[in-house]
Amino acid sequence: MTTLAPLAPLVGQAAEAGDPAAAAILESAADRLLATLARVRAPEETSPIVLAGGVLTAQGPLRERVRRLCEERWATSVAIAGDTAAAAAWLAAGAHGAHANWLASGF
């Protein structure tokens, strides 16, 4: 699948240009991603959803369709992940303790 990743932006561009085959590919991809999420997320869940990964953090029609479908299905906010490697390093370094202390202080 990694070898197909560079093609994702091209499919998005084609869909935005009106290519019906590209639009169908994006629609199917979004529906499959949502179905996967629905398998692990309860229908009544209201916590925020964070989209991560190269395809869902890049601007384009797939991300926007997934975002819209999530908001409609779960009536919740949907955020886009930032630099996940930096976040993981931050947590691994123990910075989360300082962050928790900052939040507890009432900033």
PDB file of N, CA and C in Angstrom:
ATOM      1  N   MET A   1       0.816  -1.183   0.000  1.00  0.00           N
ATOM      2  CA  MET A   1       0.000   0.000   0.000  1.00  0.00           C
ATOM      3  C   MET A   1       0.863   1.252   0.000  1.00  0.00           C
ATOM      4  N   THR A   2       2.031   1.209   0.560  1.00  0.00           N
ATOM      5  CA  THR A   2       2.903   2.375   0.614  1.00  0.00           C
ATOM      6  C   THR A   2       3.205   2.905  -0.778  1.00  0.00           C
ATOM      7  N   THR A   3       3.327   2.023  -1.753  1.00  0.00           N
ATOM      8  CA  THR A   3       3.641   2.475  -3.099  1.00  0.00           C
ATOM      9  C   THR A   3       2.485   3.232  -3.738  1.00  0.00           C
ATOM     10  N   LEU A   4       1.288   3.091  -3.200  1.00  0.00           N
ATOM     11  CA  LEU A   4       0.134   3.812  -3.727  1.00  0.00           C
ATOM     12  C   LEU A   4      -0.063   5.168  -3.066  1.00  0.00           C
ATOM     13  N   ALA A   5       0.534   5.372  -1.920  1.00  0.00           N
ATOM     14  CA  ALA A   5       0.332   6.609  -1.167  1.00  0.00           C
ATOM     15  C   ALA A   5       0.601   7.871  -1.980  1.00  0.00           C
ATOM     16  N   PRO A   6       1.648   7.919  -2.792  1.00  0.00           N
ATOM     17  CA  PRO A   6       1.887   9.147  -3.561  1.00  0.00           C
ATOM     18  C   PRO A   6       0.782   9.470  -4.578  1.00  0.00           C
ATOM     19  N   LEU A   7      -0.048   8.485  -4.889  1.00  0.00           N
ATOM     20  CA  LEU A   7      -1.115   8.721  -5.855  1.00  0.00           C
ATOM     21  C   LEU A   7      -2.347   9.384  -5.238  1.00  0.00           C
ATOM     22  N   ALA A   8      -2.473   9.337  -3.930  1.00  0.00           N
ATOM     23  CA  ALA A   8      -3.661   9.882  -3.263  1.00  0.00           C
ATOM     24  C   ALA A   8      -3.918  11.344  -3.628  1.00  0.00           C
ATOM     25  N   PRO A   9      -2.912  12.210  -3.609  1.00  0.00           N
ATOM     26  CA  PRO A   9      -3.189  13.607  -3.986  1.00  0.00           C
ATOM     27  C   PRO A   9      -3.678  13.744  -5.432  1.00  0.00           C
ATOM     28  N   LEU A  10      -3.182  12.881  -6.308  1.00  0.00           N
ATOM     29  CA  LEU A  10      -3.609  12.943  -7.706  1.00  0.00           C
ATOM     30  C   LEU A  10      -5.080  12.575  -7.855  1.00  0.00           C
ATOM     31  N   VAL A  11      -5.518  11.594  -7.077  1.00  0.00           N
ATOM     32  CA  VAL A  11      -6.935  11.207  -7.108  1.00  0.00           C
ATOM     33  C   VAL A  11      -7.784  12.360  -6.585  1.00  0.00           C
ATOM     34  N   GLY A  12      -7.327  13.003  -5.520  1.00  0.00           N
ATOM     35  CA  GLY A  12      -8.049  14.149  -4.981  1.00  0.00           C
ATOM     36  C   GLY A  12      -8.147  15.283  -5.985  1.00  0.00           C
ATOM     37  N   GLN A  13      -7.051  15.561  -6.658  1.00  0.00           N
ATOM     38  CA  GLN A  13      -7.060  16.625  -7.670  1.00  0.00           C
ATOM     39  C   GLN A  13      -8.003  16.285  -8.814  1.00  0.00           C
ATOM     40  N   ALA A  14      -7.981  15.028  -9.250  1.00  0.00           N
ATOM     41  CA  ALA A  14      -8.868  14.612 -10.337  1.00  0.00           C
ATOM     42  C   ALA A  14     -10.333  14.719  -9.916  1.00  0.00           C
ATOM     43  N   ALA A  15     -10.630  14.329  -8.682  1.00  0.00           N
ATOM     44  CA  ALA A  15     -12.010  14.420  -8.191  1.00  0.00           C
ATOM     45  C   ALA A  15     -12.471  15.870  -8.149  1.00  0.00           C
ATOM     46  N   GLU A  16     -11.601  16.747  -7.667  1.00  0.00           N
ATOM     47  CA  GLU A  16     -11.951  18.168  -7.613  1.00  0.00           C
ATOM     48  C   GLU A  16     -12.129  18.773  -9.006  1.00  0.00           C
ATOM     49  N   ALA A  17     -11.462  18.174 -10.009  1.00  0.00           N
ATOM     50  CA  ALA A  17     -11.581  18.648 -11.384  1.00  0.00           C
ATOM     51  C   ALA A  17     -12.802  18.061 -12.083  1.00  0.00           C
ATOM     52  N   GLY A  18     -13.534  17.200 -11.364  1.00  0.00           N
ATOM     53  CA  GLY A  18     -14.770  16.665 -11.929  1.00  0.00           C
ATOM     54  C   GLY A  18     -14.692  15.260 -12.491  1.00  0.00           C
ATOM     55  N   ASP A  19     -13.598  14.555 -12.255  1.00  0.00           N
ATOM     56  CA  ASP A  19     -13.475  13.182 -12.752  1.00  0.00           C
ATOM     57  C   ASP A  19     -14.378  12.266 -11.932  1.00  0.00           C
ATOM     58  N   PRO A  20     -15.390  11.649 -12.560  1.00  0.00           N
ATOM     59  CA  PRO A  20     -16.325  10.816 -11.803  1.00  0.00           C
ATOM     60  C   PRO A  20     -15.691   9.552 -11.217  1.00  0.00           C
ATOM     61  N   ALA A  21     -14.709   8.982 -11.898  1.00  0.00           N
ATOM     62  CA  ALA A  21     -14.048   7.783 -11.367  1.00  0.00           C
ATOM     63  C   ALA A  21     -13.261   8.129 -10.105  1.00  0.00           C
ATOM     64  N   ALA A  22     -12.555   9.254 -10.129  1.00  0.00           N
ATOM     65  CA  ALA A  22     -11.793   9.685  -8.954  1.00  0.00           C
ATOM     66  C   ALA A  22     -12.737  10.011  -7.806  1.00  0.00           C
ATOM     67  N   ALA A  23     -13.847  10.664  -8.113  1.00  0.00           N
ATOM     68  CA  ALA A  23     -14.830  10.984  -7.074  1.00  0.00           C
ATOM     69  C   ALA A  23     -15.386   9.712  -6.448  1.00  0.00           C
ATOM     70  N   ALA A  24     -15.630   8.697  -7.247  1.00  0.00           N
ATOM     71  CA  ALA A  24     -16.135   7.422  -6.725  1.00  0.00           C
ATOM     72  C   ALA A  24     -15.095   6.741  -5.837  1.00  0.00           C
ATOM     73  N   ILE A  25     -13.833   6.836  -6.215  1.00  0.00           N
ATOM     74  CA  ILE A  25     -12.756   6.251  -5.390  1.00  0.00           C
ATOM     75  C   ILE A  25     -12.715   6.946  -4.030  1.00  0.00           C
ATOM     76  N   LEU A  26     -12.795   8.271  -4.028  1.00  0.00           N
ATOM     77  CA  LEU A  26     -12.752   9.014  -2.765  1.00  0.00           C
ATOM     78  C   LEU A  26     -13.976   8.723  -1.913  1.00  0.00           C
ATOM     79  N   GLU A  27     -15.125   8.640  -2.543  1.00  0.00           N
ATOM     80  CA  GLU A  27     -16.345   8.340  -1.800  1.00  0.00           C
ATOM     81  C   GLU A  27     -16.248   6.961  -1.143  1.00  0.00           C
ATOM     82  N   SER A  28     -15.766   5.989  -1.884  1.00  0.00           N
ATOM     83  CA  SER A  28     -15.609   4.643  -1.339  1.00  0.00           C
ATOM     84  C   SER A  28     -14.578   4.624  -0.205  1.00  0.00           C
ATOM     85  N   ALA A  29     -13.472   5.335  -0.389  1.00  0.00           N
ATOM     86  CA  ALA A  29     -12.430   5.381   0.653  1.00  0.00           C
ATOM     87  C   ALA A  29     -12.976   6.006   1.932  1.00  0.00           C
ATOM     88  N   ALA A  30     -13.696   7.116   1.795  1.00  0.00           N
ATOM     89  CA  ALA A  30     -14.265   7.785   2.971  1.00  0.00           C
ATOM     90  C   ALA A  30     -15.266   6.876   3.671  1.00  0.00           C
ATOM     91  N   ASP A  31     -16.115   6.217   2.904  1.00  0.00           N
ATOM     92  CA  ASP A  31     -17.099   5.313   3.499  1.00  0.00           C
ATOM     93  C   ASP A  31     -16.428   4.163   4.238  1.00  0.00           C
ATOM     94  N   ARG A  32     -15.351   3.642   3.684  1.00  0.00           N
ATOM     95  CA  ARG A  32     -14.625   2.537   4.340  1.00  0.00           C
ATOM     96  C   ARG A  32     -13.938   3.008   5.614  1.00  0.00           C
ATOM     97  N   LEU A  33     -13.350   4.196   5.574  1.00  0.00           N
ATOM     98  CA  LEU A  33     -12.726   4.728   6.782  1.00  0.00           C
ATOM     99  C   LEU A  33     -13.763   4.947   7.877  1.00  0.00           C
ATOM    100  N   LEU A  34     -14.912   5.475   7.494  1.00  0.00           N
ATOM    101  CA  LEU A  34     -15.967   5.706   8.482  1.00  0.00           C
ATOM    102  C   LEU A  34     -16.487   4.379   9.042  1.00  0.00           C
ATOM    103  N   ALA A  35     -16.621   3.374   8.191  1.00  0.00           N
ATOM    104  CA  ALA A  35     -17.079   2.060   8.648  1.00  0.00           C
ATOM    105  C   ALA A  35     -16.081   1.459   9.636  1.00  0.00           C
ATOM    106  N   THR A  36     -14.805   1.659   9.387  1.00  0.00           N
ATOM    107  CA  THR A  36     -13.781   1.164  10.309  1.00  0.00           C
ATOM    108  C   THR A  36     -13.901   1.865  11.659  1.00  0.00           C
ATOM    109  N   LEU A  37     -14.066   3.169  11.639  1.00  0.00           N
ATOM    110  CA  LEU A  37     -14.232   3.925  12.888  1.00  0.00           C
ATOM    111  C   LEU A  37     -15.491   3.485  13.626  1.00  0.00           C
ATOM    112  N   ALA A  38     -16.557   3.257  12.893  1.00  0.00           N
ATOM    113  CA  ALA A  38     -17.833   2.859  13.513  1.00  0.00           C
ATOM    114  C   ALA A  38     -17.724   1.503  14.222  1.00  0.00           C
ATOM    115  N   ARG A  39     -16.771   0.692  13.832  1.00  0.00           N
ATOM    116  CA  ARG A  39     -16.595  -0.607  14.491  1.00  0.00           C
ATOM    117  C   ARG A  39     -16.022  -0.460  15.894  1.00  0.00           C
ATOM    118  N   VAL A  40     -15.330   0.638  16.160  1.00  0.00           N
ATOM    119  CA  VAL A  40     -14.706   0.819  17.475  1.00  0.00           C
ATOM    120  C   VAL A  40     -15.268   1.998  18.255  1.00  0.00           C
ATOM    121  N   ARG A  41     -16.159   2.751  17.660  1.00  0.00           N
ATOM    122  CA  ARG A  41     -16.723   3.935  18.329  1.00  0.00           C
ATOM    123  C   ARG A  41     -18.222   3.757  18.480  1.00  0.00           C
ATOM    124  N   ALA A  42     -18.697   3.871  19.713  1.00  0.00           N
ATOM    125  CA  ALA A  42     -20.122   3.700  20.001  1.00  0.00           C
ATOM    126  C   ALA A  42     -20.934   4.819  19.349  1.00  0.00           C
ATOM    127  N   PRO A  43     -22.154   4.510  18.924  1.00  0.00           N
ATOM    128  CA  PRO A  43     -22.994   5.530  18.279  1.00  0.00           C
ATOM    129  C   PRO A  43     -23.260   6.741  19.160  1.00  0.00           C
ATOM    130  N   GLU A  44     -23.304   6.547  20.475  1.00  0.00           N
ATOM    131  CA  GLU A  44     -23.604   7.658  21.385  1.00  0.00           C
ATOM    132  C   GLU A  44     -22.361   8.414  21.855  1.00  0.00           C
ATOM    133  N   GLU A  45     -21.198   8.008  21.410  1.00  0.00           N
ATOM    134  CA  GLU A  45     -19.947   8.646  21.819  1.00  0.00           C
ATOM    135  C   GLU A  45     -19.924  10.111  21.369  1.00  0.00           C
ATOM    136  N   THR A  46     -19.465  10.991  22.251  1.00  0.00           N
ATOM    137  CA  THR A  46     -19.429  12.419  21.925  1.00  0.00           C
ATOM    138  C   THR A  46     -18.037  13.028  22.054  1.00  0.00           C
ATOM    139  N   SER A  47     -17.041  12.219  22.418  1.00  0.00           N
ATOM    140  CA  SER A  47     -15.693  12.781  22.521  1.00  0.00           C
ATOM    141  C   SER A  47     -15.205  13.196  21.132  1.00  0.00           C
ATOM    142  N   PRO A  48     -14.282  14.159  21.089  1.00  0.00           N
ATOM    143  CA  PRO A  48     -13.785  14.625  19.789  1.00  0.00           C
ATOM    144  C   PRO A  48     -13.096  13.506  19.004  1.00  0.00           C
ATOM    145  N   ILE A  49     -13.115  13.641  17.714  1.00  0.00           N
ATOM    146  CA  ILE A  49     -12.427  12.710  16.813  1.00  0.00           C
ATOM    147  C   ILE A  49     -11.222  13.457  16.252  1.00  0.00           C
ATOM    148  N   VAL A  50     -10.066  12.786  16.229  1.00  0.00           N
ATOM    149  CA  VAL A  50      -8.858  13.386  15.675  1.00  0.00           C
ATOM    150  C   VAL A  50      -8.428  12.553  14.471  1.00  0.00           C
ATOM    151  N   LEU A  51      -8.370  13.194  13.315  1.00  0.00           N
ATOM    152  CA  LEU A  51      -7.928  12.526  12.099  1.00  0.00           C
ATOM    153  C   LEU A  51      -6.415  12.596  12.032  1.00  0.00           C
ATOM    154  N   ALA A  52      -5.791  11.456  11.752  1.00  0.00           N
ATOM    155  CA  ALA A  52      -4.335  11.391  11.693  1.00  0.00           C
ATOM    156  C   ALA A  52      -3.918  10.557  10.486  1.00  0.00           C
ATOM    157  N   GLY A  53      -2.655  10.655  10.157  1.00  0.00           N
ATOM    158  CA  GLY A  53      -2.127   9.912   9.017  1.00  0.00           C
ATOM    159  C   GLY A  53      -2.023  10.812   7.798  1.00  0.00           C
ATOM    160  N   GLY A  54      -1.150  10.450   6.905  1.00  0.00           N
ATOM    161  CA  GLY A  54      -0.855  11.281   5.747  1.00  0.00           C
ATOM    162  C   GLY A  54      -2.054  11.668   4.910  1.00  0.00           C
ATOM    163  N   VAL A  55      -2.926  10.738   4.633  1.00  0.00           N
ATOM    164  CA  VAL A  55      -4.071  11.023   3.767  1.00  0.00           C
ATOM    165  C   VAL A  55      -5.091  11.906   4.471  1.00  0.00           C
ATOM    166  N   LEU A  56      -5.311  11.678   5.758  1.00  0.00           N
ATOM    167  CA  LEU A  56      -6.346  12.438   6.471  1.00  0.00           C
ATOM    168  C   LEU A  56      -5.853  13.757   7.055  1.00  0.00           C
ATOM    169  N   THR A  57      -4.547  13.980   7.092  1.00  0.00           N
ATOM    170  CA  THR A  57      -4.063  15.275   7.564  1.00  0.00           C
ATOM    171  C   THR A  57      -3.789  16.226   6.402  1.00  0.00           C
ATOM    172  N   ALA A  58      -3.700  15.691   5.195  1.00  0.00           N
ATOM    173  CA  ALA A  58      -3.489  16.528   4.009  1.00  0.00           C
ATOM    174  C   ALA A  58      -4.815  17.143   3.571  1.00  0.00           C
ATOM    175  N   GLN A  59      -4.780  18.411   3.216  1.00  0.00           N
ATOM    176  CA  GLN A  59      -5.997  19.055   2.732  1.00  0.00           C
ATOM    177  C   GLN A  59      -6.451  18.378   1.446  1.00  0.00           C
ATOM    178  N   GLY A  60      -7.753  18.225   1.328  1.00  0.00           N
ATOM    179  CA  GLY A  60      -8.284  17.640   0.110  1.00  0.00           C
ATOM    180  C   GLY A  60      -9.676  17.100   0.312  1.00  0.00           C
ATOM    181  N   PRO A  61     -10.279  16.623  -0.752  1.00  0.00           N
ATOM    182  CA  PRO A  61     -11.670  16.180  -0.686  1.00  0.00           C
ATOM    183  C   PRO A  61     -11.896  14.950   0.192  1.00  0.00           C
ATOM    184  N   LEU A  62     -10.923  14.056   0.294  1.00  0.00           N
ATOM    185  CA  LEU A  62     -11.110  12.874   1.141  1.00  0.00           C
ATOM    186  C   LEU A  62     -11.211  13.291   2.602  1.00  0.00           C
ATOM    187  N   ARG A  63     -10.282  14.109   3.044  1.00  0.00           N
ATOM    188  CA  ARG A  63     -10.312  14.567   4.436  1.00  0.00           C
ATOM    189  C   ARG A  63     -11.616  15.304   4.732  1.00  0.00           C
ATOM    190  N   GLU A  64     -12.038  16.152   3.822  1.00  0.00           N
ATOM    191  CA  GLU A  64     -13.249  16.917   4.063  1.00  0.00           C
ATOM    192  C   GLU A  64     -14.482  16.019   4.109  1.00  0.00           C
ATOM    193  N   ARG A  65     -14.534  14.996   3.259  1.00  0.00           N
ATOM    194  CA  ARG A  65     -15.670  14.075   3.286  1.00  0.00           C
ATOM    195  C   ARG A  65     -15.671  13.271   4.587  1.00  0.00           C
ATOM    196  N   VAL A  66     -14.510  12.772   4.997  1.00  0.00           N
ATOM    197  CA  VAL A  66     -14.425  12.004   6.246  1.00  0.00           C
ATOM    198  C   VAL A  66     -14.815  12.897   7.420  1.00  0.00           C
ATOM    199  N   ARG A  67     -14.328  14.115   7.432  1.00  0.00           N
ATOM    200  CA  ARG A  67     -14.660  15.049   8.515  1.00  0.00           C
ATOM    201  C   ARG A  67     -16.174  15.283   8.577  1.00  0.00           C
ATOM    202  N   ARG A  68     -16.772  15.555   7.440  1.00  0.00           N
ATOM    203  CA  ARG A  68     -18.213  15.827   7.398  1.00  0.00           C
ATOM    204  C   ARG A  68     -19.014  14.609   7.843  1.00  0.00           C
ATOM    205  N   LEU A  69     -18.641  13.432   7.371  1.00  0.00           N
ATOM    206  CA  LEU A  69     -19.364  12.216   7.745  1.00  0.00           C
ATOM    207  C   LEU A  69     -19.246  11.935   9.239  1.00  0.00           C
ATOM    208  N   CYS A  70     -18.061  12.165   9.801  1.00  0.00           N
ATOM    209  CA  CYS A  70     -17.873  11.961  11.244  1.00  0.00           C
ATOM    210  C   CYS A  70     -18.747  12.918  12.042  1.00  0.00           C
ATOM    211  N   GLU A  71     -18.744  14.181  11.652  1.00  0.00           N
ATOM    212  CA  GLU A  71     -19.546  15.183  12.375  1.00  0.00           C
ATOM    213  C   GLU A  71     -21.035  14.864  12.290  1.00  0.00           C
ATOM    214  N   GLU A  72     -21.480  14.390  11.137  1.00  0.00           N
ATOM    215  CA  GLU A  72     -22.892  14.039  10.978  1.00  0.00           C
ATOM    216  C   GLU A  72     -23.266  12.807  11.803  1.00  0.00           C
ATOM    217  N   ARG A  73     -22.408  11.818  11.785  1.00  0.00           N
ATOM    218  CA  ARG A  73     -22.734  10.553  12.445  1.00  0.00           C
ATOM    219  C   ARG A  73     -22.647  10.648  13.962  1.00  0.00           C
ATOM    220  N   TRP A  74     -21.654  11.373  14.474  1.00  0.00           N
ATOM    221  CA  TRP A  74     -21.455  11.426  15.919  1.00  0.00           C
ATOM    222  C   TRP A  74     -21.745  12.784  16.538  1.00  0.00           C
ATOM    223  N   ALA A  75     -22.148  13.747  15.801  1.00  0.00           N
ATOM    224  CA  ALA A  75     -22.463  15.077  16.329  1.00  0.00           C
ATOM    225  C   ALA A  75     -21.368  15.550  17.289  1.00  0.00           C
ATOM    226  N   THR A  76     -20.146  15.560  16.804  1.00  0.00           N
ATOM    227  CA  THR A  76     -19.004  15.946  17.616  1.00  0.00           C
ATOM    228  C   THR A  76     -18.022  16.743  16.779  1.00  0.00           C
ATOM    229  N   SER A  77     -17.044  17.306  17.440  1.00  0.00           N
ATOM    230  CA  SER A  77     -16.029  18.047  16.696  1.00  0.00           C
ATOM    231  C   SER A  77     -14.984  17.084  16.139  1.00  0.00           C
ATOM    232  N   VAL A  78     -14.403  17.474  15.034  1.00  0.00           N
ATOM    233  CA  VAL A  78     -13.362  16.679  14.392  1.00  0.00           C
ATOM    234  C   VAL A  78     -12.149  17.579  14.212  1.00  0.00           C
ATOM    235  N   ALA A  79     -11.019  17.130  14.731  1.00  0.00           N
ATOM    236  CA  ALA A  79      -9.775  17.895  14.628  1.00  0.00           C
ATOM    237  C   ALA A  79      -8.798  17.151  13.728  1.00  0.00           C
ATOM    238  N   ILE A  80      -7.835  17.872  13.235  1.00  0.00           N
ATOM    239  CA  ILE A  80      -6.787  17.292  12.406  1.00  0.00           C
ATOM    240  C   ILE A  80      -5.517  17.231  13.247  1.00  0.00           C
ATOM    241  N   ALA A  81      -4.907  16.053  13.315  1.00  0.00           N
ATOM    242  CA  ALA A  81      -3.686  15.887  14.106  1.00  0.00           C
ATOM    243  C   ALA A  81      -2.566  16.740  13.534  1.00  0.00           C
ATOM    244  N   GLY A  82      -1.742  17.212  14.415  1.00  0.00           N
ATOM    245  CA  GLY A  82      -0.546  17.937  13.992  1.00  0.00           C
ATOM    246  C   GLY A  82       0.577  16.952  13.745  1.00  0.00           C
ATOM    247  N   ASP A  83       1.750  17.307  14.125  1.00  0.00           N
ATOM    248  CA  ASP A  83       2.928  16.467  13.942  1.00  0.00           C
ATOM    249  C   ASP A  83       2.900  15.349  14.983  1.00  0.00           C
ATOM    250  N   THR A  84       2.477  14.177  14.566  1.00  0.00           N
ATOM    251  CA  THR A  84       2.312  13.067  15.506  1.00  0.00           C
ATOM    252  C   THR A  84       3.640  12.579  16.065  1.00  0.00           C
ATOM    253  N   ALA A  85       4.707  12.670  15.288  1.00  0.00           N
ATOM    254  CA  ALA A  85       6.019  12.259  15.799  1.00  0.00           C
ATOM    255  C   ALA A  85       6.463  13.196  16.919  1.00  0.00           C
ATOM    256  N   ALA A  86       6.231  14.475  16.756  1.00  0.00           N
ATOM    257  CA  ALA A  86       6.595  15.440  17.798  1.00  0.00           C
ATOM    258  C   ALA A  86       5.755  15.214  19.047  1.00  0.00           C
ATOM    259  N   ALA A  87       4.481  14.915  18.867  1.00  0.00           N
ATOM    260  CA  ALA A  87       3.613  14.651  20.020  1.00  0.00           C
ATOM    261  C   ALA A  87       4.066  13.408  20.769  1.00  0.00           C
ATOM    262  N   ALA A  88       4.433  12.372  20.044  1.00  0.00           N
ATOM    263  CA  ALA A  88       4.916  11.145  20.685  1.00  0.00           C
ATOM    264  C   ALA A  88       6.210  11.407  21.448  1.00  0.00           C
ATOM    265  N   ALA A  89       7.101  12.168  20.859  1.00  0.00           N
ATOM    266  CA  ALA A  89       8.362  12.497  21.532  1.00  0.00           C
ATOM    267  C   ALA A  89       8.098  13.316  22.785  1.00  0.00           C
ATOM    268  N   TRP A  90       7.153  14.246  22.705  1.00  0.00           N
ATOM    269  CA  TRP A  90       6.787  15.085  23.842  1.00  0.00           C
ATOM    270  C   TRP A  90       6.278  14.220  24.993  1.00  0.00           C
ATOM    271  N   LEU A  91       5.397  13.266  24.663  1.00  0.00           N
ATOM    272  CA  LEU A  91       4.874  12.377  25.696  1.00  0.00           C
ATOM    273  C   LEU A  91       5.965  11.473  26.265  1.00  0.00           C
ATOM    274  N   ALA A  92       6.815  10.932  25.386  1.00  0.00           N
ATOM    275  CA  ALA A  92       7.884  10.042  25.832  1.00  0.00           C
ATOM    276  C   ALA A  92       8.876  10.764  26.734  1.00  0.00           C
ATOM    277  N   ALA A  93       9.072  12.041  26.499  1.00  0.00           N
ATOM    278  CA  ALA A  93      10.017  12.813  27.304  1.00  0.00           C
ATOM    279  C   ALA A  93       9.442  13.199  28.660  1.00  0.00           C
ATOM    280  N   GLY A  94       8.176  12.885  28.891  1.00  0.00           N
ATOM    281  CA  GLY A  94       7.575  13.184  30.177  1.00  0.00           C
ATOM    282  C   GLY A  94       6.989  14.579  30.258  1.00  0.00           C
ATOM    283  N   ALA A  95       6.889  15.261  29.150  1.00  0.00           N
ATOM    284  CA  ALA A  95       6.356  16.619  29.158  1.00  0.00           C
ATOM    285  C   ALA A  95       4.886  16.653  29.536  1.00  0.00           C
ATOM    286  N   HIS A  96       4.220  15.522  29.408  1.00  0.00           N
ATOM    287  CA  HIS A  96       2.804  15.496  29.754  1.00  0.00           C
ATOM    288  C   HIS A  96       2.586  15.812  31.232  1.00  0.00           C
ATOM    289  N   GLY A  97       3.550  15.481  32.091  1.00  0.00           N
ATOM    290  CA  GLY A  97       3.431  15.805  33.506  1.00  0.00           C
ATOM    291  C   GLY A  97       3.432  17.311  33.722  1.00  0.00           C
ATOM    292  N   ALA A  98       4.327  17.989  33.034  1.00  0.00           N
ATOM    293  CA  ALA A  98       4.378  19.447  33.131  1.00  0.00           C
ATOM    294  C   ALA A  98       3.095  20.052  32.577  1.00  0.00           C
ATOM    295  N   HIS A  99       2.598  19.483  31.510  1.00  0.00           N
ATOM    296  CA  HIS A  99       1.356  19.972  30.909  1.00  0.00           C
ATOM    297  C   HIS A  99       0.187  19.783  31.882  1.00  0.00           C
ATOM    298  N   ALA A 100       0.132  18.631  32.535  1.00  0.00           N
ATOM    299  CA  ALA A 100      -0.943  18.372  33.500  1.00  0.00           C
ATOM    300  C   ALA A 100      -0.855  19.355  34.665  1.00  0.00           C
ATOM    301  N   ASN A 101       0.364  19.629  35.120  1.00  0.00           N
ATOM    302  CA  ASN A 101       0.543  20.604  36.209  1.00  0.00           C
ATOM    303  C   ASN A 101       0.092  21.976  35.793  1.00  0.00           C
ATOM    304  N   TRP A 102       0.392  22.358  34.563  1.00  0.00           N
ATOM    305  CA  TRP A 102      -0.011  23.660  34.031  1.00  0.00           C
ATOM    306  C   TRP A 102      -1.542  23.755  33.974  1.00  0.00           C
ATOM    307  N   LEU A 103      -2.186  22.698  33.498  1.00  0.00           N
ATOM    308  CA  LEU A 103      -3.651  22.702  33.436  1.00  0.00           C
ATOM    309  C   LEU A 103      -4.256  22.768  34.838  1.00  0.00           C
ATOM    310  N   ALA A 104      -3.676  22.019  35.776  1.00  0.00           N
ATOM    311  CA  ALA A 104      -4.204  21.994  37.147  1.00  0.00           C
ATOM    312  C   ALA A 104      -4.050  23.351  37.837  1.00  0.00           C
ATOM    313  N   SER A 105      -3.068  24.129  37.405  1.00  0.00           N
ATOM    314  CA  SER A 105      -2.835  25.434  38.032  1.00  0.00           C
ATOM    315  C   SER A 105      -3.903  26.451  37.682  1.00  0.00           C
ATOM    316  N   GLY A 106      -4.750  26.120  36.705  1.00  0.00           N
ATOM    317  CA  GLY A 106      -5.785  27.053  36.280  1.00  0.00           C
ATOM    318  C   GLY A 106      -5.276  28.090  35.313  1.00  0.00           C
ATOM    319  N   PHE A 107      -4.014  27.950  34.927  1.00  0.00           N
ATOM    320  CA  PHE A 107      -3.344  28.870  34.009  1.00  0.00           C
ATOM    321  C   PHE A 107      -3.997  30.190  34.059  1.00  0.00           C
TER     322      PHE A 107
END
